Amino acid sequence: MSKEEITESQRNKALSLEKSNAREAMNLLVNIINNYGDTLAVANLVLDDVIRIGKANGFLDEAIFACQKAQIIKSEYKSHYKIEERACQLEKNGDIFNATELRYRRDIEPGPFFRGNREDWIPHYTTLRYYGNVFADLNAHDKAWKIYNEAVINAARIGESPHTIRQVMAKLLLKENKPANAVEILIAGICEAERWAPKGSPKSLIADLKRALKASGIENQQAAEEIFFACKKHGQQYATDFFYKSRE
């Protein structure tokens, strides 16, 4: 077997152990880097495997090690891995917020091969939605809201529906005990999905609306369907007014 084949075989073995024995999987992957560091599989796959598994399981020394190796082996991405190394070190020290802030700032910037005008660059809404969720989980709600709102704007800029962002915004509003606001956000999401999503509003959006309505004091199971129809037939403001009248 060639070194590439050995590397790929050992990597597959490590990944098969990831869920059942992450520590053993990590040890195998680190050994691959040490023994076959000049292979394409290490450069393209194994280094990122170690960083991902290390972050997910608290093996941050190994993640830092992989970041340091990547700065040498993948020099064109040196700045990316240098930031990741710093973030892992902050995380190791218990500073999760600033670790996340570093990764967020890195990931909303254009990559090393972007050749357009920098002023024309906008972060993709899915990246923003992801980091909004991370900051929300860290209870950094003000930060999360700022990012979610930017995500909505960026989705609309490229003609895509922001309804998935509205759904996570509604969850945060429910967490903040603001169910009526959550309903309003979901109504906006339904109208956006009906306008931009190829298949219209997904079932998950209607299910979220039902939960928010119940939290706001409306037990009628038909209310979500009535509001959904109001969105389609008459638009966001009519549906919102209909919701508040239903609460009276």
Protein backbone atom coordinates (compact mmCIF):
# COMPACT_ATOMS: atom_id res chain seq x y z
CA MET A 1 0.00 0.00 0.00
CA SER A 2 1.14 3.55 -0.71
CA LYS A 3 1.46 6.13 2.05
CA GLU A 4 -1.70 7.80 0.79
CA GLU A 5 -3.62 4.52 0.98
CA ILE A 6 -2.31 3.79 4.48
CA THR A 7 -3.24 7.28 5.61
CA GLU A 8 -6.76 7.00 4.21
CA SER A 9 -7.24 3.53 5.73
CA GLN A 10 -6.11 4.66 9.19
CA ARG A 11 -8.22 7.81 8.93
CA ASN A 12 -11.30 5.74 8.12
CA LYS A 13 -10.60 3.57 11.15
CA ALA A 14 -10.26 6.63 13.36
CA LEU A 15 -13.49 8.16 12.10
CA SER A 16 -15.35 4.90 12.69
CA LEU A 17 -14.38 5.24 16.37
CA GLU A 18 -15.24 8.93 16.69
CA LYS A 19 -18.65 8.49 18.32
CA SER A 20 -17.84 5.47 20.48
CA ASN A 21 -14.30 6.36 21.57
CA ALA A 22 -13.29 9.90 20.64
CA ARG A 23 -10.06 9.66 22.62
CA GLU A 24 -8.83 6.64 20.66
CA ALA A 25 -9.93 8.25 17.40
CA MET A 26 -7.94 11.36 18.28
CA ASN A 27 -4.83 9.33 19.15
CA LEU A 28 -4.98 7.55 15.80
CA LEU A 29 -5.36 10.82 13.89
CA VAL A 30 -2.45 12.48 15.71
CA ASN A 31 -0.28 9.43 14.92
CA ILE A 32 -1.22 9.79 11.26
CA ILE A 33 -0.03 13.41 11.29
CA ASN A 34 3.23 12.44 12.97
CA ASN A 35 3.92 9.49 10.67
CA TYR A 36 2.43 10.59 7.34
CA GLY A 37 2.49 14.38 7.55
CA ASP A 38 3.61 14.75 3.93
CA THR A 39 0.51 13.09 2.45
CA LEU A 40 -2.36 14.88 0.75
CA ALA A 41 -4.82 13.15 3.04
CA VAL A 42 -3.22 14.77 6.07
CA ALA A 43 -3.18 18.20 4.43
CA ASN A 44 -6.71 18.03 3.06
CA LEU A 45 -8.51 15.94 5.69
CA VAL A 46 -6.74 14.78 8.83
CA LEU A 47 -5.64 18.17 10.16
CA ASP A 48 -9.22 19.44 10.00
CA ASP A 49 -10.48 16.17 11.52
CA VAL A 50 -8.25 16.72 14.55
CA ILE A 51 -9.37 20.33 14.95
CA ARG A 52 -13.06 19.41 14.63
CA ILE A 53 -12.94 16.44 17.00
CA GLY A 54 -10.69 18.31 19.40
CA LYS A 55 -13.12 21.23 19.66
CA ALA A 56 -16.13 18.94 20.00
CA ASN A 57 -14.60 16.83 22.78
CA GLY A 58 -12.38 19.26 24.66
CA PHE A 59 -9.10 17.87 23.26
CA LEU A 60 -7.82 21.37 22.73
CA ASP A 61 -4.11 20.59 23.02
CA GLU A 62 -4.47 18.30 20.01
CA ALA A 63 -6.50 20.93 18.14
CA ILE A 64 -3.78 23.50 18.81
CA PHE A 65 -1.16 21.02 17.60
CA ALA A 66 -3.09 20.49 14.35
CA CYS A 67 -3.46 24.25 13.86
CA GLN A 68 0.30 24.71 14.24
CA LYS A 69 0.99 21.93 11.72
CA ALA A 70 -1.57 23.35 9.30
CA GLN A 71 0.15 26.75 9.31
CA ILE A 72 3.22 25.00 7.87
CA ILE A 73 1.61 22.38 5.63
CA LYS A 74 -1.16 24.65 4.29
CA SER A 75 0.68 27.94 4.18
CA GLU A 76 -1.90 29.55 1.88
CA TYR A 77 -4.37 29.25 4.78
CA LYS A 78 -1.88 30.25 7.48
CA SER A 79 -3.92 33.21 8.75
CA HIS A 80 -7.03 31.02 9.11
CA TYR A 81 -5.25 28.41 11.23
CA LYS A 82 -3.33 31.02 13.21
CA ILE A 83 -6.64 32.52 14.31
CA GLU A 84 -8.03 29.06 15.06
CA GLU A 85 -4.97 28.32 17.21
CA ARG A 86 -5.59 31.50 19.20
CA ALA A 87 -9.28 30.67 19.53
CA CYS A 88 -8.53 27.16 20.79
CA GLN A 89 -6.09 28.59 23.32
CA LEU A 90 -8.76 31.03 24.56
CA GLU A 91 -11.26 28.19 24.76
CA LYS A 92 -8.74 26.09 26.70
CA ASN A 93 -8.47 28.98 29.15
CA GLY A 94 -12.25 29.10 29.53
CA ASP A 95 -12.83 32.24 27.46
CA ILE A 96 -15.49 30.84 25.12
CA PHE A 97 -16.96 34.22 24.19
CA ASN A 98 -13.72 35.70 22.85
CA ALA A 99 -12.83 32.42 21.15
CA THR A 100 -16.15 32.60 19.33
CA GLU A 101 -15.63 36.28 18.54
CA LEU A 102 -12.27 35.49 16.91
CA ARG A 103 -13.79 32.74 14.76
CA TYR A 104 -16.76 34.92 13.86
CA ARG A 105 -14.59 37.83 12.73
CA ARG A 106 -12.46 35.45 10.65
CA ASP A 107 -15.37 33.69 9.00
CA ILE A 108 -17.22 36.82 7.89
CA GLU A 109 -14.15 38.09 6.04
CA PRO A 110 -13.40 37.14 2.40
CA GLY A 111 -11.20 34.07 2.05
CA PRO A 112 -7.62 34.05 0.74
CA PHE A 113 -8.71 33.40 -2.85
CA PHE A 114 -11.38 36.10 -3.08
CA ARG A 115 -10.52 38.29 -6.06
CA GLY A 116 -13.41 40.77 -6.10
CA ASN A 117 -13.64 44.22 -4.59
CA ARG A 118 -13.57 43.99 -0.83
CA GLU A 119 -16.35 46.58 -0.50
CA ASP A 120 -18.62 44.27 -2.51
CA TRP A 121 -18.13 41.36 -0.11
CA ILE A 122 -21.00 40.42 2.18
CA PRO A 123 -20.95 37.45 4.58
CA HIS A 124 -23.32 34.66 3.60
CA TYR A 125 -26.47 34.61 5.68
CA THR A 126 -25.97 30.96 6.68
CA THR A 127 -22.61 31.84 8.27
CA LEU A 128 -24.25 34.70 10.16
CA ARG A 129 -27.15 32.49 11.24
CA TYR A 130 -24.69 29.92 12.61
CA TYR A 131 -22.81 32.48 14.68
CA GLY A 132 -26.04 34.09 15.84
CA ASN A 133 -26.99 30.68 17.22
CA VAL A 134 -23.61 30.24 18.90
CA PHE A 135 -23.79 33.63 20.61
CA ALA A 136 -27.40 32.97 21.61
CA ASP A 137 -26.28 29.70 23.25
CA LEU A 138 -23.65 31.72 25.12
CA ASN A 139 -26.44 34.02 26.37
CA ALA A 140 -24.87 36.91 24.47
CA HIS A 141 -28.32 37.94 23.25
CA ASP A 142 -27.49 41.48 22.11
CA LYS A 143 -24.70 40.12 19.94
CA ALA A 144 -26.93 37.36 18.58
CA TRP A 145 -29.68 39.82 17.64
CA LYS A 146 -27.26 42.06 15.77
CA ILE A 147 -25.97 39.10 13.77
CA TYR A 148 -29.44 37.68 13.07
CA ASN A 149 -30.62 41.03 11.73
CA GLU A 150 -27.62 41.26 9.43
CA ALA A 151 -28.32 37.70 8.26
CA VAL A 152 -31.90 38.65 7.30
CA ILE A 153 -30.65 41.62 5.27
CA ASN A 154 -27.98 39.56 3.50
CA ALA A 155 -30.43 36.78 2.61
CA ALA A 156 -32.80 39.32 1.06
CA ARG A 157 -29.93 40.91 -0.86
CA ILE A 158 -29.38 37.70 -2.81
CA GLY A 159 -33.07 36.93 -3.19
CA GLU A 160 -33.22 34.04 -0.74
CA SER A 161 -35.82 33.56 1.96
CA PRO A 162 -34.74 34.58 5.49
CA HIS A 163 -37.37 32.33 7.08
CA THR A 164 -34.79 29.97 8.64
CA ILE A 165 -33.28 32.98 10.40
CA ARG A 166 -36.73 34.05 11.57
CA GLN A 167 -37.19 30.60 13.09
CA VAL A 168 -34.07 30.84 15.25
CA MET A 169 -34.95 34.43 16.14
CA ALA A 170 -38.35 33.20 17.35
CA LYS A 171 -36.69 30.55 19.51
CA LEU A 172 -34.55 33.23 21.13
CA LEU A 173 -37.63 35.39 21.73
CA LEU A 174 -39.36 32.46 23.44
CA LYS A 175 -36.25 32.00 25.56
CA GLU A 176 -36.56 35.69 26.49
CA ASN A 177 -40.23 35.11 27.37
CA LYS A 178 -41.53 37.24 24.51
CA PRO A 179 -44.00 34.87 22.80
CA ALA A 180 -46.03 37.57 21.03
CA ASN A 181 -42.85 38.92 19.44
CA ALA A 182 -41.95 35.38 18.43
CA VAL A 183 -45.29 35.06 16.63
CA GLU A 184 -44.68 38.35 14.81
CA ILE A 185 -41.24 37.17 13.69
CA LEU A 186 -42.67 33.88 12.42
CA ILE A 187 -45.41 35.70 10.53
CA ALA A 188 -42.68 37.69 8.79
CA GLY A 189 -40.88 34.41 8.05
CA ILE A 190 -43.99 32.87 6.51
CA CYS A 191 -44.50 35.87 4.24
CA GLU A 192 -40.83 35.75 3.22
CA ALA A 193 -40.94 32.01 2.56
CA GLU A 194 -44.08 32.39 0.44
CA ARG A 195 -42.28 35.06 -1.57
CA TRP A 196 -38.79 33.60 -1.94
CA ALA A 197 -38.64 29.91 -1.00
CA PRO A 198 -39.19 27.60 -4.01
CA LYS A 199 -41.55 25.35 -2.03
CA GLY A 200 -43.10 28.03 0.15
CA SER A 201 -43.32 27.70 3.93
CA PRO A 202 -41.91 24.44 5.32
CA LYS A 203 -43.82 22.40 7.89
CA SER A 204 -41.23 23.26 10.54
CA LEU A 205 -42.13 26.94 10.23
CA ILE A 206 -45.82 26.23 10.83
CA ALA A 207 -44.91 23.96 13.77
CA ASP A 208 -42.84 26.77 15.28
CA LEU A 209 -45.78 29.12 14.84
CA LYS A 210 -48.07 26.71 16.70
CA ARG A 211 -45.62 26.57 19.63
CA ALA A 212 -45.30 30.34 19.75
CA LEU A 213 -49.07 30.80 19.60
CA LYS A 214 -49.54 28.38 22.48
CA ALA A 215 -46.89 30.22 24.50
CA SER A 216 -48.71 33.49 23.81
CA GLY A 217 -51.95 32.07 25.24
CA ILE A 218 -53.75 30.88 22.09
CA GLU A 219 -54.68 27.21 22.49
CA ASN A 220 -56.79 26.99 19.31
CA GLN A 221 -55.02 24.47 17.09
CA GLN A 222 -56.53 26.06 13.97
CA ALA A 223 -55.02 29.48 14.71
CA ALA A 224 -51.71 28.69 12.98
CA GLU A 225 -53.48 27.62 9.79
CA GLU A 226 -55.67 30.73 9.89
CA ILE A 227 -52.65 32.99 10.31
CA PHE A 228 -50.81 31.12 7.57
CA PHE A 229 -53.76 31.68 5.21
CA ALA A 230 -53.88 35.35 6.23
CA CYS A 231 -50.18 35.70 5.33
CA LYS A 232 -50.72 34.17 1.90
CA LYS A 233 -53.92 36.03 1.13
CA HIS A 234 -53.43 39.45 2.70
CA GLY A 235 -49.79 39.86 3.76
CA GLN A 236 -47.76 40.40 6.91
CA GLN A 237 -49.57 43.35 8.49
CA TYR A 238 -53.01 41.81 8.07
CA ALA A 239 -51.80 38.51 9.57
CA THR A 240 -50.17 40.32 12.49
CA ASP A 241 -53.35 42.30 13.19
CA PHE A 242 -55.34 39.06 12.95
CA PHE A 243 -53.05 37.48 15.57
CA TYR A 244 -53.51 40.30 18.07
CA LYS A 245 -57.28 40.31 17.57
CA SER A 246 -57.26 36.56 18.25
CA ARG A 247 -55.70 37.24 21.66
CA GLU A 248 -58.47 39.62 22.74
